[in-house]
């Protein structure tokens, strides 16, 4: 299985970063690829249980993902399973995402996104592109240094 890790340094304190990462109304400010609309469905990382979202592209293409929130440890980390659905709404291979925050030695917050149990290097490349797009939106929220 393959994995990816992306990090950022934000000037904001860890509790504020964690809040933006987990609260439904704030997740919508950074979740999903740039240029896509997000249908949140059950996009809530403040509690254990199911989550889901659909990304809608400008051409009308719909990309559904679902999973289970596996742990919530405010203000340090949240983890969830992840799987894309195909056009027939069959759930694909499940992987796991952890979003973690900790105080940065130079102030602010060190943010780490870890996506593990990806089936192959092609999936890592696809997910890296998607997560990088999301993180550009998150970067804009926090006026980052990275």
C-alpha atoms as a PDB file:
ATOM      1  CA  UNK A   1       0.000   0.000   0.000  1.00  0.00           C
ATOM      2  CA  UNK A   2       1.122   3.550  -0.726  1.00  0.00           C
ATOM      3  CA  UNK A   3       0.842   6.765   1.252  1.00  0.00           C
ATOM      4  CA  UNK A   4       1.313  10.507   1.051  1.00  0.00           C
ATOM      5  CA  UNK A   5       2.039  13.232   3.592  1.00  0.00           C
ATOM      6  CA  UNK A   6       1.635  16.973   3.090  1.00  0.00           C
ATOM      7  CA  UNK A   7       2.599  19.619   5.657  1.00  0.00           C
ATOM      8  CA  UNK A   8       1.991  23.318   6.166  1.00  0.00           C
ATOM      9  CA  UNK A   9       2.993  25.953   8.723  1.00  0.00           C
ATOM     10  CA  UNK A  10       0.173  28.312   9.669  1.00  0.00           C
ATOM     11  CA  UNK A  11       0.500  31.435  11.819  1.00  0.00           C
ATOM     12  CA  UNK A  12      -2.838  30.654  13.505  1.00  0.00           C
ATOM     13  CA  UNK A  13      -2.906  28.742  16.825  1.00  0.00           C
ATOM     14  CA  UNK A  14      -3.577  24.968  16.776  1.00  0.00           C
ATOM     15  CA  UNK A  15      -7.102  25.237  18.197  1.00  0.00           C
ATOM     16  CA  UNK A  16      -8.155  27.629  15.414  1.00  0.00           C
ATOM     17  CA  UNK A  17      -6.627  25.418  12.702  1.00  0.00           C
ATOM     18  CA  UNK A  18      -8.343  22.360  14.190  1.00  0.00           C
ATOM     19  CA  UNK A  19     -11.666  24.182  14.202  1.00  0.00           C
ATOM     20  CA  UNK A  20     -11.366  25.031  10.494  1.00  0.00           C
ATOM     21  CA  UNK A  21     -10.442  21.407   9.730  1.00  0.00           C
ATOM     22  CA  UNK A  22     -13.415  19.871  11.536  1.00  0.00           C
ATOM     23  CA  UNK A  23     -16.463  22.153  11.772  1.00  0.00           C
ATOM     24  CA  UNK A  24     -18.919  21.549   8.908  1.00  0.00           C
ATOM     25  CA  UNK A  25     -19.491  25.187   7.976  1.00  0.00           C
ATOM     26  CA  UNK A  26     -15.727  25.864   7.983  1.00  0.00           C
ATOM     27  CA  UNK A  27     -14.749  22.680   6.110  1.00  0.00           C
ATOM     28  CA  UNK A  28     -16.744  23.982   3.139  1.00  0.00           C
ATOM     29  CA  UNK A  29     -14.297  26.899   2.836  1.00  0.00           C
ATOM     30  CA  UNK A  30     -11.407  24.576   1.901  1.00  0.00           C
ATOM     31  CA  UNK A  31     -12.797  21.124   1.022  1.00  0.00           C
ATOM     32  CA  UNK A  32     -12.730  19.973  -2.575  1.00  0.00           C
ATOM     33  CA  UNK A  33     -10.822  20.819  -5.697  1.00  0.00           C
ATOM     34  CA  UNK A  34     -10.553  24.454  -6.695  1.00  0.00           C
ATOM     35  CA  UNK A  35     -13.276  25.331  -9.169  1.00  0.00           C
ATOM     36  CA  UNK A  36     -15.652  22.615  -7.964  1.00  0.00           C
ATOM     37  CA  UNK A  37     -18.817  22.990  -5.958  1.00  0.00           C
ATOM     38  CA  UNK A  38     -19.136  20.883  -2.819  1.00  0.00           C
ATOM     39  CA  UNK A  39     -22.329  19.129  -1.747  1.00  0.00           C
ATOM     40  CA  UNK A  40     -21.544  18.480   1.920  1.00  0.00           C
ATOM     41  CA  UNK A  41     -23.995  15.644   2.624  1.00  0.00           C
ATOM     42  CA  UNK A  42     -22.512  14.573   5.994  1.00  0.00           C
ATOM     43  CA  UNK A  43     -19.253  16.560   5.970  1.00  0.00           C
ATOM     44  CA  UNK A  44     -18.656  16.806   9.731  1.00  0.00           C
ATOM     45  CA  UNK A  45     -15.388  15.846  11.412  1.00  0.00           C
ATOM     46  CA  UNK A  46     -16.370  16.964  14.934  1.00  0.00           C
ATOM     47  CA  UNK A  47     -17.805  13.561  15.885  1.00  0.00           C
ATOM     48  CA  UNK A  48     -17.361   9.863  15.175  1.00  0.00           C
ATOM     49  CA  UNK A  49     -19.538   8.293  12.509  1.00  0.00           C
ATOM     50  CA  UNK A  50     -20.284   8.509   8.807  1.00  0.00           C
ATOM     51  CA  UNK A  51     -19.259  11.382   6.585  1.00  0.00           C
ATOM     52  CA  UNK A  52     -19.838  12.035   2.902  1.00  0.00           C
ATOM     53  CA  UNK A  53     -19.431  14.619   0.187  1.00  0.00           C
ATOM     54  CA  UNK A  54     -19.991  15.068  -3.537  1.00  0.00           C
ATOM     55  CA  UNK A  55     -17.787  17.298  -5.692  1.00  0.00           C
ATOM     56  CA  UNK A  56     -19.515  18.785  -8.725  1.00  0.00           C
ATOM     57  CA  UNK A  57     -17.315  19.886 -11.631  1.00  0.00           C
ATOM     58  CA  UNK A  58     -18.166  22.771 -13.971  1.00  0.00           C
ATOM     59  CA  UNK A  59     -19.058  20.213 -16.680  1.00  0.00           C
ATOM     60  CA  UNK A  60     -21.600  18.622 -14.320  1.00  0.00           C
ATOM     61  CA  UNK A  61     -19.432  15.616 -13.425  1.00  0.00           C
ATOM     62  CA  UNK A  62     -20.132  14.330  -9.924  1.00  0.00           C
ATOM     63  CA  UNK A  63     -17.505  12.717  -7.686  1.00  0.00           C
ATOM     64  CA  UNK A  64     -18.798  11.090  -4.516  1.00  0.00           C
ATOM     65  CA  UNK A  65     -16.658  10.112  -1.529  1.00  0.00           C
ATOM     66  CA  UNK A  66     -17.668   8.629   1.819  1.00  0.00           C
ATOM     67  CA  UNK A  67     -16.186   7.157   4.955  1.00  0.00           C
ATOM     68  CA  UNK A  68     -16.262   6.941   8.718  1.00  0.00           C
ATOM     69  CA  UNK A  69     -14.696   9.397  11.162  1.00  0.00           C
ATOM     70  CA  UNK A  70     -12.475   7.048  13.182  1.00  0.00           C
ATOM     71  CA  UNK A  71     -11.097   9.409  15.830  1.00  0.00           C
ATOM     72  CA  UNK A  72     -11.479  12.996  16.993  1.00  0.00           C
ATOM     73  CA  UNK A  73      -8.832  14.304  19.417  1.00  0.00           C
ATOM     74  CA  UNK A  74      -9.306  18.092  19.731  1.00  0.00           C
ATOM     75  CA  UNK A  75      -7.239  20.091  19.094  1.00  0.00           C
ATOM     76  CA  UNK A  76      -4.643  17.563  17.908  1.00  0.00           C
ATOM     77  CA  UNK A  77      -6.036  15.264  15.233  1.00  0.00           C
ATOM     78  CA  UNK A  78      -8.982  13.824  13.383  1.00  0.00           C
ATOM     79  CA  UNK A  79      -8.963  10.665  11.293  1.00  0.00           C
ATOM     80  CA  UNK A  80     -11.360   9.192   8.789  1.00  0.00           C
ATOM     81  CA  UNK A  81     -11.649   6.452   6.233  1.00  0.00           C
ATOM     82  CA  UNK A  82     -12.016   7.475   2.606  1.00  0.00           C
ATOM     83  CA  UNK A  83     -13.358   5.853  -0.555  1.00  0.00           C
ATOM     84  CA  UNK A  84     -14.488   7.183  -3.917  1.00  0.00           C
ATOM     85  CA  UNK A  85     -17.712   5.882  -5.466  1.00  0.00           C
ATOM     86  CA  UNK A  86     -17.973   4.898  -9.120  1.00  0.00           C
ATOM     87  CA  UNK A  87     -20.720   5.974 -11.544  1.00  0.00           C
ATOM     88  CA  UNK A  88     -22.927   3.108 -10.320  1.00  0.00           C
ATOM     89  CA  UNK A  89     -22.404   4.362  -6.711  1.00  0.00           C
ATOM     90  CA  UNK A  90     -20.253   1.340  -5.781  1.00  0.00           C
ATOM     91  CA  UNK A  91     -17.775   2.248  -3.075  1.00  0.00           C
ATOM     92  CA  UNK A  92     -14.145   1.713  -4.084  1.00  0.00           C
ATOM     93  CA  UNK A  93     -10.969   0.873  -2.190  1.00  0.00           C
ATOM     94  CA  UNK A  94     -10.890   2.325   1.311  1.00  0.00           C
ATOM     95  CA  UNK A  95      -7.934   4.347   2.574  1.00  0.00           C
ATOM     96  CA  UNK A  96      -7.382   6.415   5.712  1.00  0.00           C
ATOM     97  CA  UNK A  97      -6.730  10.134   6.241  1.00  0.00           C
ATOM     98  CA  UNK A  98      -5.374  11.804   9.371  1.00  0.00           C
ATOM     99  CA  UNK A  99      -5.306  15.571   9.801  1.00  0.00           C
ATOM    100  CA  UNK A 100      -3.057  16.588  12.683  1.00  0.00           C
ATOM    101  CA  UNK A 101      -2.000  19.881  14.208  1.00  0.00           C
ATOM    102  CA  UNK A 102       0.648  20.724  16.776  1.00  0.00           C
ATOM    103  CA  UNK A 103       2.356  23.878  17.978  1.00  0.00           C
ATOM    104  CA  UNK A 104       5.176  24.881  15.624  1.00  0.00           C
ATOM    105  CA  UNK A 105       8.540  25.581  17.333  1.00  0.00           C
ATOM    106  CA  UNK A 106       8.644  29.016  15.674  1.00  0.00           C
ATOM    107  CA  UNK A 107       5.046  29.867  16.604  1.00  0.00           C
ATOM    108  CA  UNK A 108       1.730  29.056  15.018  1.00  0.00           C
ATOM    109  CA  UNK A 109       0.790  25.565  13.929  1.00  0.00           C
ATOM    110  CA  UNK A 110       2.377  22.677  12.093  1.00  0.00           C
ATOM    111  CA  UNK A 111      -0.381  20.996  10.052  1.00  0.00           C
ATOM    112  CA  UNK A 112       0.100  17.501   8.641  1.00  0.00           C
ATOM    113  CA  UNK A 113      -2.181  15.596   6.276  1.00  0.00           C
ATOM    114  CA  UNK A 114      -1.426  11.886   6.043  1.00  0.00           C
ATOM    115  CA  UNK A 115      -3.310   9.689   3.560  1.00  0.00           C
ATOM    116  CA  UNK A 116      -2.392   6.006   3.920  1.00  0.00           C
ATOM    117  CA  UNK A 117      -3.476   2.631   2.546  1.00  0.00           C
ATOM    118  CA  UNK A 118      -3.721   3.967  -1.000  1.00  0.00           C
ATOM    119  CA  UNK A 119      -3.741   1.080  -3.486  1.00  0.00           C
ATOM    120  CA  UNK A 120      -0.841   2.210  -5.695  1.00  0.00           C
ATOM    121  CA  UNK A 121       1.415   5.063  -6.827  1.00  0.00           C
ATOM    122  CA  UNK A 122      -1.185   6.235  -9.371  1.00  0.00           C
ATOM    123  CA  UNK A 123      -3.648   6.758  -6.517  1.00  0.00           C
ATOM    124  CA  UNK A 124      -0.977   8.697  -4.606  1.00  0.00           C
ATOM    125  CA  UNK A 125      -0.505  11.009  -7.586  1.00  0.00           C
ATOM    126  CA  UNK A 126      -4.248  11.521  -7.986  1.00  0.00           C
ATOM    127  CA  UNK A 127      -4.762  12.166  -4.277  1.00  0.00           C
ATOM    128  CA  UNK A 128      -1.726  14.463  -4.108  1.00  0.00           C
ATOM    129  CA  UNK A 129      -3.253  16.634  -6.823  1.00  0.00           C
ATOM    130  CA  UNK A 130      -6.619  16.725  -5.086  1.00  0.00           C
ATOM    131  CA  UNK A 131      -5.252  17.403  -1.619  1.00  0.00           C
ATOM    132  CA  UNK A 132      -2.869  20.065  -2.959  1.00  0.00           C
ATOM    133  CA  UNK A 133      -5.856  21.852  -4.484  1.00  0.00           C
ATOM    134  CA  UNK A 134      -7.712  21.670  -1.141  1.00  0.00           C
ATOM    135  CA  UNK A 135      -4.673  22.907   0.749  1.00  0.00           C
ATOM    136  CA  UNK A 136      -4.271  25.938  -1.523  1.00  0.00           C
ATOM    137  CA  UNK A 137      -7.769  26.907  -0.370  1.00  0.00           C
ATOM    138  CA  UNK A 138      -6.795  26.224   3.261  1.00  0.00           C
ATOM    139  CA  UNK A 139      -3.586  28.229   2.788  1.00  0.00           C
ATOM    140  CA  UNK A 140      -5.650  31.206   1.673  1.00  0.00           C
ATOM    141  CA  UNK A 141      -7.645  31.053   4.905  1.00  0.00           C
ATOM    142  CA  UNK A 142      -4.555  31.216   7.090  1.00  0.00           C
ATOM    143  CA  UNK A 143      -2.137  33.342   4.996  1.00  0.00           C
ATOM    144  CA  UNK A 144       0.547  30.690   5.245  1.00  0.00           C
ATOM    145  CA  UNK A 145       4.258  30.302   5.421  1.00  0.00           C
ATOM    146  CA  UNK A 146       5.363  26.938   4.056  1.00  0.00           C
END
